[in-house]
Protein backbone atom coordinates (compact mmCIF):
# COMPACT_ATOMS: atom_id res chain seq x y z
CA MET A 1 14.32 -13.09 -97.17
CA THR A 2 16.18 -10.67 -99.42
CA SER A 3 15.41 -10.65 -103.12
CA LEU A 4 17.39 -8.90 -105.86
CA GLU A 5 16.17 -7.73 -109.25
CA ILE A 6 17.89 -5.55 -111.85
CA ILE A 7 15.41 -2.98 -113.10
CA SER A 8 15.27 0.29 -115.00
CA TYR A 9 14.45 3.27 -112.81
CA ASN A 10 13.99 6.97 -113.58
CA GLY A 11 16.13 6.86 -116.72
CA TRP A 12 18.85 4.53 -115.48
CA LYS A 13 18.81 1.18 -117.25
CA ASN A 14 20.55 -0.81 -114.52
CA VAL A 15 19.38 -0.39 -110.93
CA ALA A 16 19.60 -3.08 -108.26
CA HIS A 17 16.28 -3.38 -106.43
CA LEU A 18 16.73 -5.00 -103.02
CA THR A 19 13.72 -5.92 -100.88
CA ASN A 20 12.81 -8.19 -98.00
CA GLY A 21 9.10 -7.36 -98.16
CA ALA A 22 9.44 -4.68 -95.48
CA ILE A 23 12.02 -2.28 -96.93
CA ASP A 24 12.99 -1.39 -100.51
CA LEU A 25 16.40 -0.09 -101.56
CA LYS A 26 17.34 0.88 -105.10
CA VAL A 27 21.03 1.11 -105.96
CA THR A 28 22.24 2.69 -109.20
CA LEU A 29 24.68 0.57 -111.20
CA ASP A 30 25.17 2.99 -114.12
CA ILE A 31 26.67 5.52 -111.66
CA GLY A 32 27.78 5.43 -108.07
CA PRO A 33 28.14 3.89 -105.64
CA ARG A 34 24.80 5.44 -104.70
CA ILE A 35 21.59 4.28 -103.02
CA ILE A 36 18.97 6.38 -104.75
CA HIS A 37 15.82 5.04 -103.05
CA CYS A 38 14.91 3.96 -99.53
CA GLY A 39 11.37 3.36 -98.32
CA PHE A 40 8.88 0.86 -97.06
CA SER A 41 8.19 -1.87 -99.61
CA GLY A 42 5.84 -0.46 -102.22
CA GLY A 43 5.95 2.95 -100.54
CA VAL A 44 7.38 6.37 -101.31
CA ASN A 45 11.06 7.25 -101.40
CA MET A 46 12.28 9.07 -98.29
CA PHE A 47 15.44 10.11 -100.14
CA LYS A 48 15.70 13.20 -102.31
CA GLU A 49 16.04 12.66 -106.05
CA PHE A 50 17.04 15.50 -108.35
CA LYS A 51 14.66 14.90 -111.23
CA SER A 52 16.69 17.00 -113.68
CA GLN A 53 19.65 14.61 -113.19
CA ALA A 54 17.71 11.34 -113.24
CA GLY A 55 19.19 8.91 -115.76
CA ALA A 56 22.31 11.01 -116.35
CA THR A 57 25.66 9.23 -116.72
CA GLY A 58 29.21 10.09 -117.77
CA GLY A 59 31.04 13.37 -118.01
CA ASN A 60 33.37 15.21 -115.64
CA GLU A 61 30.71 17.34 -113.95
CA PHE A 62 29.80 16.55 -110.35
CA ARG A 63 26.07 15.90 -110.02
CA SER A 64 24.19 15.73 -106.76
CA TYR A 65 21.72 13.05 -107.98
CA GLY A 66 20.32 12.61 -104.45
CA GLY A 67 20.16 9.49 -102.30
CA HIS A 68 23.03 8.12 -100.22
CA ARG A 69 26.65 8.59 -101.26
CA LEU A 70 30.17 8.12 -99.87
CA TRP A 71 32.70 10.96 -99.72
CA GLN A 72 36.06 11.57 -98.13
CA ALA A 73 36.65 14.21 -95.47
CA PRO A 74 37.93 16.83 -94.81
CA GLU A 75 35.86 18.52 -97.54
CA ASP A 76 37.94 19.77 -100.47
CA LEU A 77 36.74 20.94 -103.88
CA LYS A 78 39.35 18.90 -105.75
CA THR A 79 39.24 15.59 -103.91
CA THR A 80 35.82 15.37 -102.27
CA TYR A 81 33.78 16.30 -105.33
CA PHE A 82 35.18 13.71 -107.71
CA PRO A 83 32.11 12.83 -109.84
CA ASP A 84 30.54 9.39 -109.43
CA ASN A 85 29.25 9.32 -113.01
CA ARG A 86 30.69 5.97 -114.10
CA PRO A 87 29.27 2.44 -113.81
CA VAL A 88 29.99 0.37 -110.71
CA GLN A 89 30.63 -3.33 -110.39
CA MET A 90 28.10 -5.37 -108.42
CA VAL A 91 28.44 -8.76 -106.79
CA GLU A 92 25.93 -10.56 -104.60
CA ILE A 93 26.81 -11.14 -100.95
CA PRO A 94 24.69 -12.82 -98.25
CA LYS A 95 21.45 -10.81 -97.81
CA GLY A 96 22.55 -8.12 -100.24
CA ILE A 97 25.08 -6.73 -102.68
CA ARG A 98 28.50 -5.10 -102.88
CA VAL A 99 28.94 -2.22 -105.33
CA THR A 100 32.42 -0.99 -106.20
CA ALA A 101 33.35 2.15 -108.12
CA PRO A 102 36.38 2.51 -110.40
CA VAL A 103 39.53 3.96 -108.85
CA GLU A 104 39.40 7.74 -108.84
CA GLU A 105 42.24 9.15 -110.93
CA VAL A 106 42.55 12.36 -108.92
CA THR A 107 42.53 10.83 -105.43
CA GLN A 108 43.65 7.24 -106.09
CA ILE A 109 40.93 5.96 -103.77
CA GLN A 110 38.23 3.40 -104.49
CA LYS A 111 34.76 3.58 -102.93
CA GLU A 112 32.60 0.59 -102.11
CA LEU A 113 29.28 -0.09 -100.40
CA ASP A 114 28.20 -3.38 -98.85
CA ILE A 115 24.41 -3.20 -98.61
CA THR A 116 22.45 -5.88 -96.75
CA LEU A 117 18.88 -6.15 -95.49
CA SER A 118 17.40 -7.55 -92.29
CA SER A 119 15.67 -10.89 -92.59
CA SER A 120 12.24 -9.37 -92.03
CA LYS A 121 12.40 -5.88 -90.48
CA ALA A 122 12.45 -2.52 -92.28
CA ALA A 123 16.17 -2.31 -91.61
CA ALA A 124 19.45 -2.33 -93.56
CA LYS A 125 23.18 -2.25 -92.94
CA VAL A 126 25.47 -0.14 -95.13
CA VAL A 127 29.23 -0.60 -94.90
CA ASN A 128 30.84 2.47 -96.47
CA ARG A 129 34.39 1.48 -97.47
CA ILE A 130 37.30 3.49 -98.90
CA THR A 131 40.47 1.77 -100.17
CA ASN A 132 43.76 3.46 -100.98
CA ALA A 133 44.57 2.19 -104.48
CA GLY A 134 47.58 4.48 -104.86
CA SER A 135 51.25 4.25 -103.93
CA ALA A 136 51.34 6.85 -101.13
CA PRO A 137 49.58 7.16 -97.77
CA ILE A 138 46.46 9.34 -97.65
CA GLU A 139 44.96 10.96 -94.57
CA LEU A 140 41.17 10.96 -94.77
CA ALA A 141 37.96 10.06 -93.01
CA PRO A 142 35.02 8.20 -94.57
CA TRP A 143 31.99 10.47 -94.80
CA ALA A 144 28.53 9.07 -95.56
CA LEU A 145 25.85 11.53 -96.65
CA THR A 146 22.18 10.61 -96.87
CA VAL A 147 20.08 13.17 -98.72
CA MET A 148 16.51 13.32 -97.44
CA ASP A 149 13.46 14.64 -99.29
CA ASN A 150 11.82 18.00 -98.61
CA ASN A 151 9.51 19.13 -95.80
CA GLY A 152 10.74 16.90 -92.99
CA VAL A 153 12.51 17.48 -89.67
CA ALA A 154 15.92 16.14 -88.63
CA VAL A 155 16.70 15.18 -85.05
CA MET A 156 20.20 15.18 -83.54
CA PRO A 157 20.47 13.94 -79.93
CA LEU A 158 22.38 15.82 -77.27
CA PRO A 159 24.14 14.27 -74.25
CA PRO A 160 21.93 13.58 -71.22
CA PHE A 161 20.94 16.83 -69.54
CA ALA A 162 22.01 17.40 -65.93
CA GLU A 163 21.78 20.34 -63.56
CA HIS A 164 24.85 22.47 -62.92
CA ASP A 165 25.68 21.27 -59.41
CA GLY A 166 28.60 18.84 -59.53
CA HIS A 167 28.86 18.86 -63.34
CA LEU A 168 31.85 21.07 -64.05
CA LEU A 169 33.22 19.86 -67.40
CA PRO A 170 31.75 20.05 -70.92
CA VAL A 171 30.16 16.92 -72.34
CA THR A 172 30.27 17.56 -76.12
CA ASN A 173 31.20 20.04 -78.81
CA LEU A 174 29.13 21.79 -81.47
CA ALA A 175 30.85 22.64 -84.76
CA LEU A 176 29.50 25.63 -86.70
CA TRP A 177 30.13 26.72 -90.28
CA SER A 178 30.49 30.35 -91.35
CA PHE A 179 27.07 30.25 -93.02
CA THR A 180 25.26 28.79 -90.00
CA ASN A 181 22.77 31.24 -88.52
CA LEU A 182 21.61 29.97 -85.14
CA SER A 183 18.74 32.48 -85.11
CA ASP A 184 17.23 30.90 -88.24
CA GLU A 185 13.63 29.76 -87.69
CA ARG A 186 14.39 26.24 -88.93
CA TRP A 187 16.33 25.42 -85.72
CA SER A 188 14.84 24.22 -82.46
CA PHE A 189 17.31 23.73 -79.58
CA GLY A 190 16.13 21.70 -76.61
CA LYS A 191 17.63 20.10 -73.51
CA GLN A 192 18.03 16.70 -75.16
CA THR A 193 17.86 17.29 -78.91
CA ILE A 194 18.50 19.67 -81.78
CA LEU A 195 15.80 19.84 -84.47
CA LEU A 196 16.38 21.17 -87.98
CA ARG A 197 13.46 21.63 -90.36
CA GLN A 198 13.76 21.44 -94.14
CA ASP A 199 11.82 24.27 -95.78
CA PRO A 200 11.83 24.70 -99.59
CA ARG A 201 10.93 28.38 -99.13
CA LEU A 202 14.18 29.21 -97.29
CA LYS A 203 17.32 29.20 -99.39
CA ASP A 204 20.05 29.94 -96.83
CA SER A 205 22.29 26.99 -95.93
CA LEU A 206 22.58 25.76 -92.36
CA LYS A 207 24.91 23.15 -90.87
CA ILE A 208 25.95 21.89 -87.46
CA GLY A 209 28.22 19.06 -86.30
CA GLN A 210 28.78 17.23 -83.04
CA ALA A 211 30.83 14.52 -81.37
CA ASN A 212 27.67 12.46 -81.08
CA GLU A 213 28.19 9.69 -78.54
CA ALA A 214 24.55 8.60 -78.85
CA GLY A 215 25.45 7.53 -82.39
CA TRP A 216 22.21 8.23 -84.28
CA LEU A 217 20.44 10.78 -86.46
CA ALA A 218 16.79 10.74 -87.51
CA TYR A 219 14.50 12.33 -90.10
CA ALA A 220 10.72 12.47 -89.87
CA LEU A 221 8.79 12.92 -93.10
CA ALA A 222 5.13 12.38 -94.04
CA GLY A 223 4.36 10.08 -91.11
CA GLN A 224 7.53 8.01 -91.46
CA LEU A 225 10.85 8.04 -89.62
CA PHE A 226 14.30 7.18 -91.00
CA VAL A 227 17.04 6.56 -88.44
CA LYS A 228 20.68 5.87 -89.13
CA TYR A 229 23.19 4.73 -86.55
CA ALA A 230 26.97 5.03 -86.72
CA ALA A 231 29.12 4.45 -83.66
CA TYR A 232 31.25 7.21 -82.16
CA THR A 233 34.76 6.17 -81.11
CA PRO A 234 35.89 8.09 -78.00
CA GLY A 235 39.46 9.31 -78.09
CA SER A 236 39.68 9.32 -81.89
CA GLN A 237 40.42 12.40 -83.98
CA TYR A 238 37.46 13.37 -86.14
CA PRO A 239 37.39 15.98 -88.91
CA ASP A 240 35.31 19.17 -88.80
CA LYS A 241 36.45 20.13 -85.29
CA GLY A 242 35.68 16.72 -83.87
CA SER A 243 32.35 15.97 -85.57
CA SER A 244 31.13 12.40 -85.97
CA HIS A 245 27.59 13.41 -87.01
CA GLU A 246 26.36 16.44 -88.95
CA ILE A 247 23.10 17.80 -90.33
CA TYR A 248 22.81 20.24 -93.25
CA THR A 249 19.91 21.89 -95.03
CA ASP A 250 19.05 24.42 -97.70
CA ASP A 251 15.98 25.01 -99.85
CA GLN A 252 16.42 21.74 -101.78
CA ILE A 253 17.57 19.06 -99.33
CA LEU A 254 18.41 17.97 -95.84
CA GLU A 255 21.44 15.74 -95.27
CA LEU A 256 22.11 13.32 -92.43
CA GLU A 257 25.89 12.89 -92.36
CA THR A 258 28.14 10.51 -90.43
CA LEU A 259 31.93 10.55 -90.34
CA GLY A 260 34.61 8.13 -89.24
CA PRO A 261 37.84 9.09 -87.47
CA LEU A 262 40.69 10.57 -89.48
CA THR A 263 42.93 7.75 -90.68
CA LEU A 264 46.35 7.60 -92.33
CA LEU A 265 45.40 5.12 -95.01
CA ARG A 266 48.43 3.27 -96.36
CA PRO A 267 48.57 1.85 -99.91
CA GLY A 268 46.24 -1.13 -100.24
CA ALA A 269 44.55 -0.49 -96.90
CA SER A 270 40.85 0.17 -96.38
CA VAL A 271 38.75 2.03 -93.83
CA GLU A 272 35.06 1.40 -93.12
CA LEU A 273 32.18 3.42 -91.73
CA VAL A 274 29.30 1.13 -90.75
CA GLU A 275 25.74 2.46 -90.68
CA ASP A 276 22.57 0.70 -89.56
CA TRP A 277 19.31 2.03 -91.01
CA ARG A 278 15.78 1.65 -89.62
CA LEU A 279 12.39 2.76 -90.90
CA PHE A 280 9.37 3.34 -88.65
CA ASP A 281 5.79 4.05 -89.69
CA ASN A 282 3.07 6.20 -88.14
CA VAL A 283 5.48 8.72 -86.63
CA PRO A 284 4.33 12.35 -86.72
CA ILE A 285 6.71 15.12 -87.72
CA PRO A 286 7.89 16.69 -84.44
CA ALA A 287 7.07 20.35 -83.88
CA ASN A 288 9.21 20.55 -80.74
CA GLU A 289 11.27 18.50 -78.32
CA ALA A 290 8.20 17.29 -76.45
CA ASP A 291 7.08 15.57 -79.64
CA VAL A 292 10.51 13.96 -80.02
CA LEU A 293 10.41 12.64 -76.46
CA THR A 294 6.95 11.19 -77.02
CA HIS A 295 7.15 9.76 -80.53
CA ILE A 296 10.81 9.31 -81.53
CA LEU A 297 13.11 8.62 -78.57
CA PRO A 298 11.19 5.46 -77.57
CA LEU A 299 11.88 4.06 -81.07
CA VAL A 300 15.58 4.88 -81.39
């Protein structure tokens, strides 16, 4: 059974604490919409929090804060980075809450998260919603970024491997950014997965995207595993050269990112990107693909 309590947390006076006894989520109400904490009930936060920004509100400066946030794609300095520094409205819904941000003056969009918990499992559903509150159509894609804490390993699945004979056509794409160095030691490319390790000692940014028909990304950290699922829609046009799932890292964070198809959003219309989250315990950090096949793929 889901319980809700409004608490103070790391300098913010109003934070919605959702729990079902198995999973804890903390959602900032003084800024957002943003889920700043996700972990097993009574356990550590798997999400990154920027301590220097904890409790900050207001102003026109974009702050990373950490946690889970909703953006619009394609990425643009003017529209994507509109700061989420203002209070959000919260209403209770069955098994959770809905948090709604004010309309953004620059973009004329409104962001909203519906956050609900499983009845008993360490699992949650997050509906990432963008509404066009303006008077003109806007082309965009919902883009949900979950910022994970340091020293873990991300896993992105690849399509099923098959030998060359009889398989003549490509089965997926990989999108690369100009700063992506495939020879970087943080990568591990296997037959069935791509691994990306977060290392606070290495500053260079890395990012890769894929049309991920498997529909999931995972992050292993300190014996725990966070998995988020978001369905891929075949035949749809996705941003970032066809990417539905992306992973990014630098010396401070690792992000698990999901994207919806590009949509011409008419005035008053909304578009949703639905994610399902799961937490698993007693999962070692994978050193290679063999570890993933043994400890992670049976769970996801």
